[in-house]
Amino acid sequence: MKLVNTKEKEVTALDGKATALFEDMLDGYLQRTASKRFTERHAQDVVRRCREFARFSDLPPWFWTEDHFDKWNHHLCYRRQIKPSTQRKYQQAIRAFLEYLQSSPKFIERVRRDYGAQLRQIVTRDNVVIHVDEDDSEGGRRPFTPAELQAFLGEIEKEIALHRSHKGGSRRKFQAACRDRAIFLTVYVLGLRADEVLRLNLESFFPSPRHPEFGDFGAAAVLGKAKKGGGKRHRTVPIDHPQLPVILAWYVKDIRKLFLDKADANERALFLSEKGKRLSYSSLWDRFDFYRGMSSVSLSHLVIHSLRHTTATETLVQTDAETTRRKLGHSNLGTTTGYTHVPDKFVAHQTEELLKRRSERLKETKT
């Protein structure tokens, strides 16, 4: 990192002071876009992308570099497997925000004075997706098949078994695998987005009057995706898998405390990193990629979001479209339809069942 002065300065992470300045910058950007009559949705999208990049790099904008940007894009392309047009929008968001900062004498001076750093543009023509006219829509994220899901979750169980014994295993890897068992089962059972599961706190779960046997883990209060530039939406997701309450109770009682050695005394995040902080996007994807790569079944075409597609499909098959929509937190059924991948055999079976019921009714009417 190049600094304005010659003094050696430590590149600081997003501590309290840096976070406050970063938030001022984001507020300033929103005000600037309003003066230019940008849509609120566009401006909020830029802010979300900047927050995401900051979380990924764990650095404020004045310490962002081309290397950080390249690593983030590698993560977006190969880990999250977003389509090129979406990745291009992410890149444009970072560029627009940094252009604003470079045009703001106030922030230029504050960064120079407080951190001895210089605000600069890290997004260039050489490190962005080139705009082309061809159709770059993604091939379609699909759910895990039962065999693939069993293979993926099975790799987590193998990792736990491998490191369960401190003699031949690693205590650190054991507790990480135990946490992964809880977090990926939560994603799968509740049909959560990656950011939703990472935002869960200890207080996010509560008992269900309908299922007192689930104890404190009968339902989850989920902070979901924002709608058209507004605030994030809350939804309640009932737990419909008897194994998840058991796993979560075990994790909170026996495993989470193993991560608290370096944690803040007031840390309430449910899923923690080895540093005792809320688990990050990049760490979650690293863990998913680790198990995906270890599997004897090819899972290279699947991403974390595929678990959400799996949940959507299973819920629709077992219940109905409205229940599925509410569980996923969608505003309309059209979005939910894109997540469901109902097998042809199931559709054929349902059609035959419908025909059978109607035939029986017709016979009863005639008699």
Protein backbone atom coordinates (compact mmCIF):
# COMPACT_ATOMS: atom_id res chain seq x y z
CA MET A 1 0.00 0.00 0.00
CA LYS A 2 1.41 3.38 -1.00
CA LEU A 3 1.07 6.10 1.61
CA VAL A 4 1.33 9.85 1.15
CA ASN A 5 4.04 10.31 3.77
CA THR A 6 7.17 8.23 4.28
CA LYS A 7 6.32 7.08 7.77
CA GLU A 8 5.52 3.41 8.18
CA LYS A 9 1.88 3.04 9.08
CA GLU A 10 0.12 -0.18 9.88
CA VAL A 11 -2.77 -0.96 7.55
CA THR A 12 -5.68 -1.08 9.95
CA ALA A 13 -8.80 -3.19 9.59
CA LEU A 14 -12.33 -1.85 9.94
CA ASP A 15 -12.12 -0.82 13.58
CA GLY A 16 -14.55 1.58 15.19
CA LYS A 17 -12.92 4.77 13.95
CA ALA A 18 -12.45 3.45 10.41
CA THR A 19 -16.01 2.14 10.30
CA ALA A 20 -17.40 5.53 11.34
CA LEU A 21 -15.49 7.28 8.56
CA PHE A 22 -16.56 4.64 6.05
CA GLU A 23 -20.21 5.17 7.02
CA ASP A 24 -19.78 8.94 6.56
CA MET A 25 -18.44 8.25 3.08
CA LEU A 26 -21.40 6.07 2.21
CA ASP A 27 -23.82 8.71 3.48
CA GLY A 28 -21.99 11.31 1.43
CA TYR A 29 -22.28 9.15 -1.67
CA LEU A 30 -26.04 8.77 -1.15
CA GLN A 31 -26.42 12.53 -0.86
CA ARG A 32 -24.38 13.09 -4.02
CA THR A 33 -26.46 10.62 -6.02
CA ALA A 34 -29.64 12.30 -4.83
CA SER A 35 -28.38 15.63 -6.18
CA LYS A 36 -27.79 13.91 -9.52
CA ARG A 37 -31.28 12.40 -9.47
CA PHE A 38 -30.05 8.81 -9.47
CA THR A 39 -32.69 6.31 -8.46
CA GLU A 40 -32.61 5.29 -4.81
CA ARG A 41 -32.43 1.64 -5.80
CA HIS A 42 -29.29 2.22 -7.86
CA ALA A 43 -27.61 4.19 -5.07
CA GLN A 44 -28.44 1.58 -2.43
CA ASP A 45 -27.09 -1.16 -4.71
CA VAL A 46 -23.75 0.66 -4.87
CA VAL A 47 -23.70 1.01 -1.08
CA ARG A 48 -24.43 -2.68 -0.62
CA ARG A 49 -21.62 -3.69 -2.97
CA CYS A 50 -19.18 -1.39 -1.16
CA ARG A 51 -20.13 -2.86 2.20
CA GLU A 52 -19.68 -6.34 0.78
CA PHE A 53 -16.23 -5.53 -0.60
CA ALA A 54 -15.25 -3.97 2.73
CA ARG A 55 -16.36 -7.08 4.60
CA PHE A 56 -14.49 -9.30 2.17
CA SER A 57 -11.21 -7.36 2.43
CA ASP A 58 -11.77 -6.33 6.07
CA LEU A 59 -10.32 -2.95 5.08
CA PRO A 60 -11.68 0.57 4.60
CA PRO A 61 -11.68 2.15 1.09
CA TRP A 62 -8.45 4.10 1.57
CA PHE A 63 -6.56 0.83 1.97
CA TRP A 64 -8.21 -1.02 -0.91
CA THR A 65 -5.79 -2.15 -3.62
CA GLU A 66 -5.98 -3.79 -7.02
CA ASP A 67 -4.94 -7.05 -5.37
CA HIS A 68 -7.93 -6.92 -3.00
CA PHE A 69 -10.19 -6.16 -5.95
CA ASP A 70 -8.79 -9.09 -7.97
CA LYS A 71 -9.27 -11.50 -5.05
CA TRP A 72 -12.85 -10.33 -4.60
CA ASN A 73 -13.56 -10.84 -8.29
CA HIS A 74 -12.00 -14.29 -8.17
CA HIS A 75 -14.34 -15.05 -5.27
CA LEU A 76 -17.38 -13.70 -7.16
CA CYS A 77 -16.54 -15.60 -10.33
CA TYR A 78 -15.32 -18.98 -9.11
CA ARG A 79 -16.77 -19.33 -5.63
CA ARG A 80 -20.11 -17.60 -5.90
CA GLN A 81 -20.32 -18.23 -9.66
CA ILE A 82 -22.37 -15.13 -10.41
CA LYS A 83 -23.09 -14.37 -14.05
CA PRO A 84 -20.80 -11.91 -15.90
CA SER A 85 -23.41 -9.15 -16.15
CA THR A 86 -23.91 -9.22 -12.37
CA GLN A 87 -20.18 -9.18 -11.72
CA ARG A 88 -19.87 -6.19 -14.05
CA LYS A 89 -22.46 -4.31 -11.98
CA TYR A 90 -20.49 -5.07 -8.81
CA GLN A 91 -17.34 -3.71 -10.41
CA GLN A 92 -19.09 -0.58 -11.62
CA ALA A 93 -20.40 0.04 -8.11
CA ILE A 94 -16.90 0.08 -6.61
CA ARG A 95 -15.65 2.32 -9.41
CA ALA A 96 -18.51 4.80 -8.93
CA PHE A 97 -17.96 5.00 -5.18
CA LEU A 98 -14.21 5.57 -5.51
CA GLU A 99 -14.81 8.23 -8.18
CA TYR A 100 -17.02 10.05 -5.70
CA LEU A 101 -14.39 9.83 -2.95
CA GLN A 102 -11.70 11.17 -5.27
CA SER A 103 -13.91 14.17 -6.00
CA SER A 104 -14.51 14.96 -2.31
CA PRO A 105 -11.92 17.33 -0.79
CA LYS A 106 -13.37 16.64 2.66
CA PHE A 107 -12.69 12.91 2.57
CA ILE A 108 -9.38 13.28 0.78
CA GLU A 109 -8.16 15.50 3.60
CA ARG A 110 -9.54 13.31 6.42
CA VAL A 111 -7.89 10.18 5.01
CA ARG A 112 -4.59 12.00 4.50
CA ARG A 113 -4.67 13.53 7.97
CA ASP A 114 -5.86 10.51 9.97
CA TYR A 115 -4.24 7.65 8.05
CA GLY A 116 -1.53 9.15 5.87
CA ALA A 117 -3.14 7.42 2.89
CA GLN A 118 -4.37 8.55 -0.49
CA LEU A 119 -7.76 7.77 -1.98
CA ARG A 120 -7.33 6.32 -5.43
CA GLN A 121 -9.17 4.42 -8.13
CA ILE A 122 -8.45 0.68 -8.19
CA VAL A 123 -10.97 -0.25 -10.90
CA THR A 124 -9.51 0.08 -14.38
CA ARG A 125 -10.23 -1.20 -17.88
CA ASP A 126 -7.74 -3.99 -17.25
CA ASN A 127 -9.51 -5.59 -14.28
CA VAL A 128 -13.21 -5.46 -15.17
CA VAL A 129 -15.55 -7.63 -17.20
CA ILE A 130 -15.69 -6.40 -20.78
CA HIS A 131 -19.19 -5.52 -21.93
CA VAL A 132 -20.28 -7.79 -24.78
CA ASP A 133 -23.55 -8.21 -26.60
CA GLU A 134 -23.66 -11.95 -26.26
CA ASP A 135 -26.05 -13.62 -23.85
CA ASP A 136 -24.13 -14.12 -20.63
CA SER A 137 -26.96 -15.50 -18.58
CA GLU A 138 -25.91 -18.19 -16.18
CA GLY A 139 -26.54 -21.81 -17.00
CA GLY A 140 -29.00 -21.98 -14.15
CA ARG A 141 -28.29 -22.84 -10.55
CA ARG A 142 -29.87 -26.12 -9.70
CA PRO A 143 -30.46 -27.87 -6.40
CA PHE A 144 -28.36 -30.65 -4.95
CA THR A 145 -29.53 -34.12 -5.87
CA PRO A 146 -30.11 -36.38 -2.83
CA ALA A 147 -26.80 -38.16 -3.56
CA GLU A 148 -24.93 -34.86 -3.86
CA LEU A 149 -26.40 -33.49 -0.64
CA GLN A 150 -25.53 -36.69 1.20
CA ALA A 151 -21.99 -36.55 -0.18
CA PHE A 152 -21.51 -32.90 0.81
CA LEU A 153 -22.83 -33.26 4.35
CA GLY A 154 -20.97 -36.56 4.62
CA GLU A 155 -17.65 -34.80 4.05
CA ILE A 156 -18.34 -32.60 7.08
CA GLU A 157 -19.00 -35.69 9.19
CA LYS A 158 -15.75 -37.26 7.95
CA GLU A 159 -13.82 -34.11 8.94
CA ILE A 160 -15.36 -34.20 12.42
CA ALA A 161 -14.50 -37.89 12.83
CA LEU A 162 -10.95 -37.34 11.57
CA HIS A 163 -10.17 -34.67 14.16
CA ARG A 164 -12.33 -35.89 17.04
CA SER A 165 -9.31 -37.50 18.69
CA HIS A 166 -6.81 -34.87 19.85
CA LYS A 167 -4.04 -37.43 19.53
CA GLY A 168 -4.26 -37.84 15.79
CA GLY A 169 -6.38 -34.82 14.92
CA SER A 170 -6.48 -31.07 15.29
CA ARG A 171 -8.60 -29.38 17.95
CA ARG A 172 -8.92 -26.27 15.79
CA LYS A 173 -10.08 -28.25 12.74
CA PHE A 174 -12.45 -30.29 14.89
CA GLN A 175 -14.28 -27.27 16.26
CA ALA A 176 -14.39 -25.66 12.80
CA ALA A 177 -15.96 -28.81 11.32
CA CYS A 178 -18.51 -28.96 14.15
CA ARG A 179 -19.45 -25.35 13.48
CA ASP A 180 -19.71 -26.14 9.76
CA ARG A 181 -22.10 -29.00 10.50
CA ALA A 182 -24.41 -26.54 12.24
CA ILE A 183 -24.12 -23.68 9.76
CA PHE A 184 -24.64 -25.66 6.55
CA LEU A 185 -27.52 -27.65 8.02
CA THR A 186 -29.08 -24.31 9.01
CA VAL A 187 -28.69 -22.98 5.46
CA TYR A 188 -30.25 -26.13 4.05
CA VAL A 189 -33.16 -26.56 6.46
CA LEU A 190 -34.16 -22.88 6.58
CA GLY A 191 -33.34 -22.12 2.93
CA LEU A 192 -31.20 -19.11 3.83
CA ARG A 193 -28.99 -16.92 1.73
CA ALA A 194 -25.32 -16.86 2.72
CA ASP A 195 -25.56 -13.37 4.21
CA GLU A 196 -28.72 -14.31 6.13
CA VAL A 197 -27.10 -17.21 7.96
CA LEU A 198 -24.06 -15.07 8.77
CA ARG A 199 -26.30 -12.40 10.36
CA LEU A 200 -27.91 -14.86 12.78
CA ASN A 201 -27.39 -14.12 16.47
CA LEU A 202 -27.98 -16.15 19.61
CA GLU A 203 -31.30 -14.34 20.00
CA SER A 204 -32.43 -15.18 16.46
CA PHE A 205 -34.11 -18.43 17.57
CA PHE A 206 -37.12 -18.88 19.81
CA PRO A 207 -39.52 -21.68 20.89
CA SER A 208 -42.49 -22.75 18.81
CA PRO A 209 -45.83 -23.33 20.59
CA ARG A 210 -46.65 -25.97 18.00
CA HIS A 211 -43.43 -27.88 18.57
CA PRO A 212 -42.35 -27.53 22.20
CA GLU A 213 -40.11 -30.58 21.72
CA PHE A 214 -37.76 -28.35 19.68
CA GLY A 215 -36.94 -26.33 22.81
CA ASP A 216 -35.37 -22.92 22.14
CA PHE A 217 -35.02 -23.66 18.44
CA GLY A 218 -38.56 -23.84 17.13
CA ALA A 219 -38.29 -20.95 14.67
CA ALA A 220 -35.81 -18.36 13.44
CA ALA A 221 -36.10 -14.60 13.03
CA VAL A 222 -34.23 -13.92 9.77
CA LEU A 223 -32.99 -10.55 8.56
CA GLY A 224 -33.44 -10.88 4.81
CA LYS A 225 -32.76 -9.03 1.61
CA ALA A 226 -33.71 -5.37 1.18
CA LYS A 227 -36.48 -4.44 -1.22
CA LYS A 228 -36.02 -1.65 -3.79
CA GLY A 229 -33.55 0.37 -1.80
CA GLY A 230 -35.44 0.02 1.47
CA GLY A 231 -34.31 -1.57 4.69
CA LYS A 232 -33.73 -5.26 5.11
CA ARG A 233 -36.88 -7.29 5.60
CA HIS A 234 -37.54 -9.49 8.61
CA ARG A 235 -39.28 -12.84 8.35
CA THR A 236 -39.97 -15.76 10.65
CA VAL A 237 -38.97 -19.19 9.39
CA PRO A 238 -40.43 -22.16 11.32
CA ILE A 239 -38.04 -25.07 11.72
CA ASP A 240 -39.47 -28.11 9.95
CA HIS A 241 -36.63 -30.59 10.38
CA PRO A 242 -36.29 -32.36 13.77
CA GLN A 243 -32.52 -32.73 13.43
CA LEU A 244 -31.74 -29.00 13.26
CA PRO A 245 -32.90 -28.06 16.82
CA VAL A 246 -30.75 -30.88 18.21
CA ILE A 247 -27.68 -29.77 16.23
CA LEU A 248 -28.12 -26.09 17.13
CA ALA A 249 -28.61 -26.82 20.84
CA TRP A 250 -25.45 -28.95 20.79
CA TYR A 251 -23.51 -26.27 18.91
CA VAL A 252 -24.51 -23.45 21.26
CA LYS A 253 -23.88 -25.50 24.41
CA ASP A 254 -20.68 -27.37 23.51
CA ILE A 255 -19.03 -25.91 20.40
CA ARG A 256 -19.55 -22.15 20.22
CA LYS A 257 -17.74 -21.61 23.53
CA LEU A 258 -14.58 -23.05 21.95
CA PHE A 259 -14.43 -19.93 19.73
CA LEU A 260 -14.80 -17.46 22.59
CA ASP A 261 -11.16 -17.33 23.76
CA LYS A 262 -10.45 -14.31 21.54
CA ALA A 263 -14.01 -13.01 21.29
CA ASP A 264 -15.42 -9.80 22.66
CA ALA A 265 -17.37 -10.41 25.87
CA ASN A 266 -20.50 -8.98 24.23
CA GLU A 267 -20.26 -10.94 20.98
CA ARG A 268 -23.72 -12.26 20.08
CA ALA A 269 -23.08 -13.68 16.61
CA LEU A 270 -24.18 -17.31 16.35
CA PHE A 271 -21.44 -18.52 14.03
CA LEU A 272 -17.91 -17.39 14.90
CA SER A 273 -14.52 -17.51 13.25
CA GLU A 274 -11.36 -18.79 14.88
CA LYS A 275 -10.69 -15.16 15.90
CA GLY A 276 -13.93 -15.01 17.85
CA LYS A 277 -15.61 -12.66 15.40
CA ARG A 278 -18.70 -13.10 13.26
CA LEU A 279 -17.85 -15.52 10.44
CA SER A 280 -17.18 -13.67 7.18
CA TYR A 281 -18.42 -14.25 3.63
CA SER A 282 -15.02 -15.36 2.41
CA SER A 283 -14.54 -17.80 5.29
CA LEU A 284 -17.95 -19.36 4.71
CA TRP A 285 -17.18 -19.83 1.02
CA ASP A 286 -13.75 -21.24 1.83
CA ARG A 287 -15.35 -23.87 4.06
CA PHE A 288 -17.95 -24.74 1.42
CA ASP A 289 -15.25 -25.00 -1.23
CA PHE A 290 -13.17 -27.23 1.04
CA TYR A 291 -15.92 -29.83 1.47
CA ARG A 292 -16.95 -29.52 -2.16
CA GLY A 293 -13.41 -30.32 -3.24
CA MET A 294 -13.05 -33.25 -0.84
CA SER A 295 -16.16 -35.03 -2.08
CA SER A 296 -15.78 -38.11 -4.27
CA VAL A 297 -18.94 -36.94 -6.07
CA SER A 298 -18.36 -34.02 -8.43
CA LEU A 299 -19.87 -30.90 -6.87
CA SER A 300 -17.91 -28.27 -8.81
CA HIS A 301 -21.05 -26.87 -10.46
CA LEU A 302 -22.80 -26.30 -7.13
CA VAL A 303 -22.56 -23.23 -4.86
CA ILE A 304 -23.86 -22.36 -1.40
CA HIS A 305 -26.98 -20.87 -2.99
CA SER A 306 -27.71 -24.32 -4.43
CA LEU A 307 -28.72 -25.36 -0.90
CA ARG A 308 -31.42 -22.68 -1.01
CA HIS A 309 -32.63 -24.06 -4.35
CA THR A 310 -32.71 -27.53 -2.76
CA THR A 311 -34.86 -26.26 0.10
CA ALA A 312 -37.20 -24.46 -2.31
CA THR A 313 -37.73 -27.57 -4.40
CA GLU A 314 -38.25 -29.91 -1.44
CA THR A 315 -40.62 -27.51 0.30
CA LEU A 316 -42.74 -27.05 -2.83
CA VAL A 317 -42.97 -30.80 -3.39
CA GLN A 318 -43.97 -31.45 0.22
CA THR A 319 -46.22 -28.42 0.82
CA ASP A 320 -47.34 -25.69 -1.62
CA ALA A 321 -46.09 -22.62 -3.49
CA GLU A 322 -47.24 -20.05 -0.92
CA THR A 323 -45.52 -21.85 1.96
CA THR A 324 -42.35 -22.00 -0.13
CA ARG A 325 -42.53 -18.30 -1.00
CA ARG A 326 -42.89 -17.27 2.62
CA LYS A 327 -40.08 -19.53 3.75
CA LEU A 328 -37.67 -18.05 1.20
CA GLY A 329 -38.81 -14.48 1.86
CA HIS A 330 -39.80 -13.67 -1.72
CA SER A 331 -42.22 -10.87 -2.56
CA ASN A 332 -43.95 -12.77 -5.34
CA LEU A 333 -44.42 -16.33 -6.50
CA GLY A 334 -42.67 -15.62 -9.79
CA THR A 335 -39.34 -15.34 -8.01
CA THR A 336 -40.00 -18.51 -6.06
CA THR A 337 -40.73 -20.39 -9.29
CA GLY A 338 -37.19 -19.70 -10.45
CA TYR A 339 -35.86 -21.51 -7.38
CA THR A 340 -37.91 -24.65 -7.73
CA HIS A 341 -36.83 -27.57 -9.90
CA VAL A 342 -39.63 -30.10 -9.64
CA PRO A 343 -38.77 -33.48 -11.23
CA ASP A 344 -40.81 -34.61 -14.22
CA LYS A 345 -41.72 -37.84 -12.42
CA PHE A 346 -43.28 -35.86 -9.58
CA VAL A 347 -45.32 -33.73 -12.01
CA ALA A 348 -46.49 -36.87 -13.83
CA HIS A 349 -47.43 -38.51 -10.54
CA GLN A 350 -49.39 -35.45 -9.39
CA THR A 351 -51.20 -35.32 -12.73
CA GLU A 352 -52.17 -38.96 -12.42
CA GLU A 353 -53.38 -38.43 -8.85
CA LEU A 354 -55.49 -35.46 -9.96
CA LEU A 355 -57.00 -37.49 -12.79
CA LYS A 356 -57.78 -40.33 -10.38
CA ARG A 357 -59.54 -38.01 -7.90
CA ARG A 358 -61.61 -36.35 -10.64
CA SER A 359 -62.60 -39.73 -12.07
CA GLU A 360 -63.75 -40.90 -8.64
CA ARG A 361 -65.81 -37.73 -8.16
CA LEU A 362 -67.41 -38.21 -11.56
CA LYS A 363 -68.40 -41.78 -10.64
CA GLU A 364 -69.90 -40.60 -7.35
CA THR A 365 -71.93 -37.94 -9.19
CA LYS A 366 -73.36 -40.50 -11.62
CA THR A 367 -74.39 -42.84 -8.85
